[in-house]
N, C-alpha and C. Protein backbone atom coordinates (compact mmCIF):
# COMPACT_ATOMS: atom_id res chain seq x y z
N ASN A 1 -11.23 -49.80 13.36
CA ASN A 1 -9.68 -50.36 13.65
C ASN A 1 -8.94 -48.96 13.65
N GLN A 2 -7.68 -48.92 14.84
CA GLN A 2 -7.26 -47.73 14.82
C GLN A 2 -6.11 -47.43 13.78
N GLU A 3 -5.39 -48.85 13.78
CA GLU A 3 -4.07 -48.75 12.79
C GLU A 3 -4.82 -48.41 11.30
N ARG A 4 -5.86 -48.92 10.65
CA ARG A 4 -6.01 -48.47 9.81
C ARG A 4 -6.55 -47.11 9.57
N LEU A 5 -6.90 -46.54 10.63
CA LEU A 5 -7.64 -45.22 10.78
C LEU A 5 -6.40 -44.26 10.59
N LEU A 6 -5.21 -44.94 11.50
CA LEU A 6 -3.95 -43.64 11.49
C LEU A 6 -3.17 -44.31 9.81
N ASN A 7 -3.30 -45.04 9.26
CA ASN A 7 -2.70 -45.28 7.96
C ASN A 7 -3.81 -44.31 6.83
N ALA A 8 -4.83 -44.39 7.25
CA ALA A 8 -5.25 -43.61 5.88
C ALA A 8 -5.10 -41.97 6.40
N ILE A 9 -5.05 -41.27 7.74
CA ILE A 9 -5.04 -40.12 8.09
C ILE A 9 -3.24 -39.93 7.28
N LYS A 10 -2.60 -40.75 7.85
CA LYS A 10 -0.91 -40.56 7.01
C LYS A 10 -0.98 -40.47 5.63
N LEU A 11 -1.89 -41.57 4.74
CA LEU A 11 -1.79 -41.27 3.09
C LEU A 11 -2.17 -40.37 2.37
N SER A 12 -3.40 -39.69 3.27
CA SER A 12 -3.98 -38.71 2.51
C SER A 12 -3.21 -37.39 3.19
N ASN A 13 -2.25 -37.37 3.90
CA ASN A 13 -1.45 -36.49 4.62
C ASN A 13 -2.34 -34.88 5.45
N ILE A 14 -3.40 -35.50 6.67
CA ILE A 14 -4.09 -34.69 6.72
C ILE A 14 -3.67 -34.79 8.68
N ASN A 15 -2.80 -35.48 9.10
CA ASN A 15 -2.06 -35.42 10.31
C ASN A 15 -1.69 -34.16 10.64
N ASP A 16 -1.15 -33.52 9.91
CA ASP A 16 -1.07 -32.11 10.47
C ASP A 16 -2.05 -31.13 11.19
N PHE A 17 -2.72 -31.37 10.24
CA PHE A 17 -4.20 -30.58 10.29
C PHE A 17 -4.90 -31.19 11.72
N ILE A 18 -4.94 -32.58 12.06
CA ILE A 18 -5.72 -33.33 12.61
C ILE A 18 -5.12 -32.74 14.22
N ASP A 19 -3.48 -32.79 14.40
CA ASP A 19 -3.17 -32.12 15.00
C ASP A 19 -3.35 -30.74 15.94
N LYS A 20 -3.56 -30.29 15.25
CA LYS A 20 -3.87 -28.79 15.50
C LYS A 20 -5.56 -28.71 16.10
N LEU A 21 -5.84 -29.24 15.77
CA LEU A 21 -7.68 -29.61 16.09
C LEU A 21 -7.44 -29.60 17.91
N PRO A 22 -8.71 -28.99 18.70
CA PRO A 22 -8.72 -28.69 19.94
C PRO A 22 -9.05 -30.30 20.43
N LEU A 23 -9.67 -31.34 19.66
CA LEU A 23 -9.97 -32.41 20.11
C LEU A 23 -9.28 -33.78 19.51
N LYS A 24 -8.45 -32.91 18.67
CA LYS A 24 -7.58 -33.99 17.58
C LYS A 24 -8.72 -34.90 16.89
N LEU A 25 -8.82 -36.15 16.74
CA LEU A 25 -9.90 -37.02 15.90
C LEU A 25 -11.27 -36.76 16.97
N ASN A 26 -11.33 -36.39 17.61
CA ASN A 26 -12.54 -36.32 18.06
C ASN A 26 -13.51 -35.32 18.36
N THR A 27 -12.82 -34.03 17.56
CA THR A 27 -13.30 -32.63 17.09
C THR A 27 -14.52 -32.52 16.29
N LEU A 28 -15.57 -32.23 16.65
CA LEU A 28 -16.57 -32.22 15.58
C LEU A 28 -16.64 -31.11 14.68
N ILE A 29 -16.59 -31.30 13.39
CA ILE A 29 -16.63 -30.38 12.52
C ILE A 29 -17.66 -30.72 11.81
N GLY A 30 -18.08 -28.76 11.53
CA GLY A 30 -19.44 -27.81 11.30
C GLY A 30 -20.36 -28.87 10.28
N THR A 31 -21.41 -28.47 10.21
CA THR A 31 -22.27 -29.68 9.12
C THR A 31 -22.00 -29.02 7.55
N GLU A 32 -21.81 -30.00 6.43
CA GLU A 32 -21.16 -29.84 5.29
C GLU A 32 -19.67 -29.39 5.45
N GLY A 33 -18.83 -29.48 6.57
CA GLY A 33 -17.47 -28.85 6.53
C GLY A 33 -17.12 -27.79 6.83
N ILE A 34 -18.09 -27.07 7.36
CA ILE A 34 -18.23 -25.11 7.74
C ILE A 34 -17.13 -25.80 8.57
N GLY A 35 -16.29 -24.86 8.59
CA GLY A 35 -15.15 -23.94 9.23
C GLY A 35 -13.20 -24.92 8.53
N ILE A 36 -13.26 -25.59 7.62
CA ILE A 36 -12.70 -26.22 7.24
C ILE A 36 -12.79 -25.93 6.00
N SER A 37 -10.93 -25.85 5.23
CA SER A 37 -10.86 -25.16 3.72
C SER A 37 -11.06 -26.64 2.82
N GLN A 38 -11.32 -25.98 1.75
CA GLN A 38 -11.61 -27.46 0.46
C GLN A 38 -10.65 -28.15 0.50
N GLY A 39 -9.49 -27.70 0.52
CA GLY A 39 -8.15 -28.80 0.85
C GLY A 39 -8.27 -29.60 1.75
N GLN A 40 -8.53 -29.01 2.90
CA GLN A 40 -9.08 -29.65 4.15
C GLN A 40 -9.96 -30.97 3.76
N ARG A 41 -10.63 -30.46 3.52
CA ARG A 41 -12.39 -31.23 3.39
C ARG A 41 -12.04 -32.41 2.24
N GLN A 42 -11.31 -32.37 1.10
CA GLN A 42 -11.05 -33.23 0.02
C GLN A 42 -10.14 -34.11 0.90
N ARG A 43 -8.71 -33.78 1.54
CA ARG A 43 -7.96 -34.61 2.09
C ARG A 43 -8.56 -35.73 3.37
N ILE A 44 -9.75 -34.86 3.97
CA ILE A 44 -10.57 -36.05 4.54
C ILE A 44 -11.45 -37.09 4.05
N LEU A 45 -11.93 -36.27 2.79
CA LEU A 45 -12.53 -37.63 2.14
C LEU A 45 -11.86 -38.54 1.46
N ILE A 46 -10.59 -38.22 1.13
CA ILE A 46 -9.64 -39.09 0.71
C ILE A 46 -9.06 -40.20 2.06
N ALA A 47 -8.95 -39.45 2.85
CA ALA A 47 -8.46 -40.65 3.98
C ALA A 47 -9.72 -41.60 4.22
N ARG A 48 -11.15 -41.17 4.21
CA ARG A 48 -12.25 -41.82 4.64
C ARG A 48 -12.39 -43.03 3.37
N ALA A 49 -11.69 -42.63 2.20
CA ALA A 49 -12.04 -43.28 0.88
C ALA A 49 -10.71 -44.84 1.00
N ILE A 50 -9.75 -44.18 1.35
CA ILE A 50 -8.72 -45.18 2.07
C ILE A 50 -8.76 -45.78 3.14
N TYR A 51 -9.94 -45.44 4.25
CA TYR A 51 -10.12 -46.22 5.53
C TYR A 51 -10.96 -47.30 4.68
N LYS A 52 -12.00 -47.14 3.93
CA LYS A 52 -12.72 -48.20 3.57
C LYS A 52 -12.02 -49.31 2.69
N ASN A 53 -10.98 -48.84 1.90
CA ASN A 53 -10.09 -49.88 1.39
C ASN A 53 -11.12 -50.75 0.04
N PRO A 54 -11.58 -50.07 -0.70
CA PRO A 54 -12.56 -50.43 -2.13
C PRO A 54 -11.76 -51.08 -3.00
N ASP A 55 -12.38 -51.89 -3.83
CA ASP A 55 -12.01 -52.59 -4.56
C ASP A 55 -11.64 -51.73 -5.93
N TYR A 56 -12.76 -50.67 -6.17
CA TYR A 56 -12.65 -49.77 -6.64
C TYR A 56 -13.11 -48.48 -6.53
N LEU A 57 -12.52 -47.73 -7.19
CA LEU A 57 -12.72 -46.11 -6.39
C LEU A 57 -12.40 -45.38 -7.75
N PHE A 58 -13.54 -44.12 -7.56
CA PHE A 58 -13.60 -43.19 -8.29
C PHE A 58 -13.10 -41.97 -7.85
N PHE A 59 -12.28 -41.23 -8.31
CA PHE A 59 -12.14 -39.90 -7.68
C PHE A 59 -12.34 -38.62 -8.74
N ASP A 60 -13.33 -37.68 -9.00
CA ASP A 60 -13.76 -36.85 -9.69
C ASP A 60 -13.00 -35.14 -8.79
N GLU A 61 -11.78 -35.26 -9.55
CA GLU A 61 -11.13 -34.01 -9.33
C GLU A 61 -11.22 -33.77 -7.79
N ALA A 62 -10.51 -34.82 -7.04
CA ALA A 62 -10.51 -35.04 -5.50
C ALA A 62 -9.05 -34.10 -5.20
N THR A 63 -8.00 -33.98 -6.13
CA THR A 63 -7.00 -32.96 -5.18
C THR A 63 -7.41 -32.03 -6.04
N ASN A 64 -8.22 -31.22 -6.54
CA ASN A 64 -8.22 -29.73 -7.19
C ASN A 64 -7.93 -28.70 -6.45
N SER A 65 -8.62 -28.56 -5.42
CA SER A 65 -7.75 -27.70 -4.48
C SER A 65 -6.98 -27.92 -3.42
N LEU A 66 -5.86 -28.88 -3.57
CA LEU A 66 -4.92 -29.00 -3.12
C LEU A 66 -4.04 -28.28 -3.65
N ASP A 67 -2.61 -27.69 -2.94
CA ASP A 67 -1.47 -27.19 -3.50
C ASP A 67 -0.65 -28.10 -3.71
N ALA A 68 0.38 -28.10 -4.55
CA ALA A 68 1.24 -28.90 -5.49
C ALA A 68 1.90 -29.63 -4.72
N LYS A 69 2.22 -29.52 -3.39
CA LYS A 69 3.03 -30.17 -2.32
C LYS A 69 1.98 -31.44 -1.86
N ASN A 70 0.78 -31.10 -1.53
CA ASN A 70 -0.34 -31.86 -0.81
C ASN A 70 -0.45 -32.67 -1.85
N GLU A 71 -1.08 -32.11 -3.08
CA GLU A 71 -1.32 -32.95 -4.09
C GLU A 71 -0.20 -34.08 -4.39
N LYS A 72 1.26 -33.97 -4.56
CA LYS A 72 2.18 -34.65 -4.92
C LYS A 72 2.15 -35.73 -3.80
N ILE A 73 2.19 -35.84 -2.46
CA ILE A 73 2.34 -36.13 -1.37
C ILE A 73 1.05 -36.98 -1.72
N ILE A 74 -0.17 -37.10 -1.85
CA ILE A 74 -1.08 -37.73 -1.59
C ILE A 74 -1.06 -38.60 -2.87
N VAL A 75 -0.82 -38.50 -4.01
CA VAL A 75 -0.71 -38.97 -5.31
C VAL A 75 -0.03 -40.02 -5.33
N GLU A 76 1.08 -40.11 -4.83
CA GLU A 76 2.46 -40.87 -4.29
C GLU A 76 1.60 -41.94 -3.33
N ASN A 77 1.04 -41.26 -2.35
CA ASN A 77 1.18 -42.20 -1.55
C ASN A 77 -0.47 -43.10 -2.01
N ILE A 78 -1.01 -42.83 -2.63
CA ILE A 78 -2.23 -43.64 -2.64
C ILE A 78 -2.10 -44.06 -4.41
N ASP A 79 -1.06 -43.76 -5.22
CA ASP A 79 -0.57 -44.74 -5.97
C ASP A 79 0.03 -46.11 -5.84
N GLY A 80 0.37 -46.20 -4.46
CA GLY A 80 0.93 -47.21 -3.94
C GLY A 80 0.31 -48.17 -2.96
N PHE A 81 -1.01 -47.32 -2.34
CA PHE A 81 -1.99 -48.06 -1.65
C PHE A 81 -2.95 -48.61 -2.53
N PHE A 82 -3.36 -48.13 -3.67
CA PHE A 82 -4.58 -48.59 -4.51
C PHE A 82 -3.91 -49.38 -5.76
N LYS A 83 -2.70 -49.95 -5.64
CA LYS A 83 -2.09 -50.47 -6.44
C LYS A 83 -2.48 -51.43 -7.43
N ASN A 84 -2.87 -52.44 -7.00
CA ASN A 84 -3.87 -53.48 -7.44
C ASN A 84 -5.11 -53.42 -7.49
N LYS A 85 -5.98 -51.91 -7.25
CA LYS A 85 -7.03 -51.83 -7.50
C LYS A 85 -7.56 -51.28 -8.55
N THR A 86 -8.97 -50.88 -9.40
CA THR A 86 -9.35 -50.24 -10.30
C THR A 86 -9.36 -48.91 -9.73
N MET A 87 -9.04 -47.60 -10.44
CA MET A 87 -8.98 -46.43 -9.93
C MET A 87 -9.52 -45.62 -11.10
N ILE A 88 -10.27 -44.93 -11.27
CA ILE A 88 -10.67 -44.15 -12.05
C ILE A 88 -10.55 -42.66 -11.57
N VAL A 89 -9.99 -41.81 -12.11
CA VAL A 89 -9.53 -40.56 -11.56
C VAL A 89 -9.81 -39.49 -12.81
N VAL A 90 -10.63 -38.65 -12.48
CA VAL A 90 -11.21 -37.69 -13.22
C VAL A 90 -10.43 -36.18 -12.76
N ALA A 91 -9.55 -35.54 -13.75
CA ALA A 91 -8.58 -34.40 -13.48
C ALA A 91 -8.47 -33.76 -14.30
N HIS A 92 -8.63 -32.60 -14.36
CA HIS A 92 -7.73 -31.65 -15.03
C HIS A 92 -5.57 -31.27 -15.22
N ARG A 93 -5.34 -31.91 -13.47
CA ARG A 93 -3.77 -31.60 -13.54
C ARG A 93 -3.17 -32.48 -14.16
N LEU A 94 -2.41 -32.92 -15.62
CA LEU A 94 -1.57 -33.90 -15.21
C LEU A 94 -0.94 -34.77 -14.53
N SER A 95 -0.19 -33.60 -13.56
CA SER A 95 0.36 -34.03 -12.53
C SER A 95 -0.16 -35.49 -11.40
N THR A 96 -1.86 -35.18 -11.48
CA THR A 96 -2.72 -36.28 -11.00
C THR A 96 -2.70 -37.38 -11.11
N VAL A 97 -2.32 -37.42 -12.75
CA VAL A 97 -2.67 -38.76 -13.56
C VAL A 97 -1.79 -39.21 -14.09
N LYS A 98 -0.18 -38.69 -13.70
CA LYS A 98 0.62 -38.97 -15.11
C LYS A 98 0.98 -40.27 -14.62
N ASN A 99 1.30 -41.14 -13.99
CA ASN A 99 1.31 -42.35 -13.01
C ASN A 99 0.32 -43.30 -13.67
N ALA A 100 -0.82 -42.97 -14.10
CA ALA A 100 -1.80 -43.74 -14.34
C ALA A 100 -1.21 -44.71 -15.76
N ASP A 101 -1.80 -46.11 -15.69
CA ASP A 101 -1.69 -47.17 -16.55
C ASP A 101 -2.34 -46.69 -17.79
N GLN A 102 -3.85 -46.22 -18.17
CA GLN A 102 -4.35 -45.44 -19.13
C GLN A 102 -4.61 -44.18 -19.03
N ILE A 103 -4.29 -43.24 -19.65
CA ILE A 103 -5.01 -42.04 -19.81
C ILE A 103 -5.89 -41.95 -20.88
N VAL A 104 -6.97 -41.44 -20.97
CA VAL A 104 -8.09 -41.43 -21.68
C VAL A 104 -8.26 -39.18 -22.02
N VAL A 105 -8.15 -38.73 -22.62
CA VAL A 105 -8.06 -37.10 -22.63
C VAL A 105 -9.67 -36.84 -23.49
N LEU A 106 -10.17 -35.82 -23.39
CA LEU A 106 -11.70 -35.31 -23.67
C LEU A 106 -11.62 -34.04 -24.08
N ASP A 107 -11.89 -33.66 -25.31
CA ASP A 107 -12.01 -32.37 -25.78
C ASP A 107 -13.72 -32.40 -26.25
N ASN A 108 -14.06 -31.48 -25.17
CA ASN A 108 -15.65 -31.22 -25.59
C ASN A 108 -16.56 -32.33 -25.78
N GLY A 109 -16.07 -33.20 -25.03
CA GLY A 109 -16.97 -34.27 -24.80
C GLY A 109 -16.42 -35.69 -25.62
N GLU A 110 -15.63 -35.09 -26.42
CA GLU A 110 -14.81 -36.17 -27.27
C GLU A 110 -13.39 -36.82 -26.92
N ILE A 111 -13.51 -38.08 -26.67
CA ILE A 111 -12.26 -38.50 -26.71
C ILE A 111 -11.21 -38.25 -28.19
N ILE A 112 -9.78 -37.70 -27.59
CA ILE A 112 -9.29 -37.49 -28.49
C ILE A 112 -7.86 -38.02 -28.69
């Protein structure tokens, strides 16, 4: 579904990267993402999750390799997109989870 794909690209803020690829969306990426940055890889994985549109989503440090600007854009975008869905987000940055309904803090494996 082209519309769903373009929405996933927009929400994951990966469109500028894709536009620079020689064959755009048809460009093959190396095995295990060789040739792209960790941040680009994370944005592609976020786009895949958005495209699949699951009822439940688990993000484990999904934005840890993104710069602050990209993280802010993506967090705002996915907060709206997954508004009525269950999202579990594991993050070290408070900015990633600041809009969460509930925040659980762990210290040495224990809830504080």
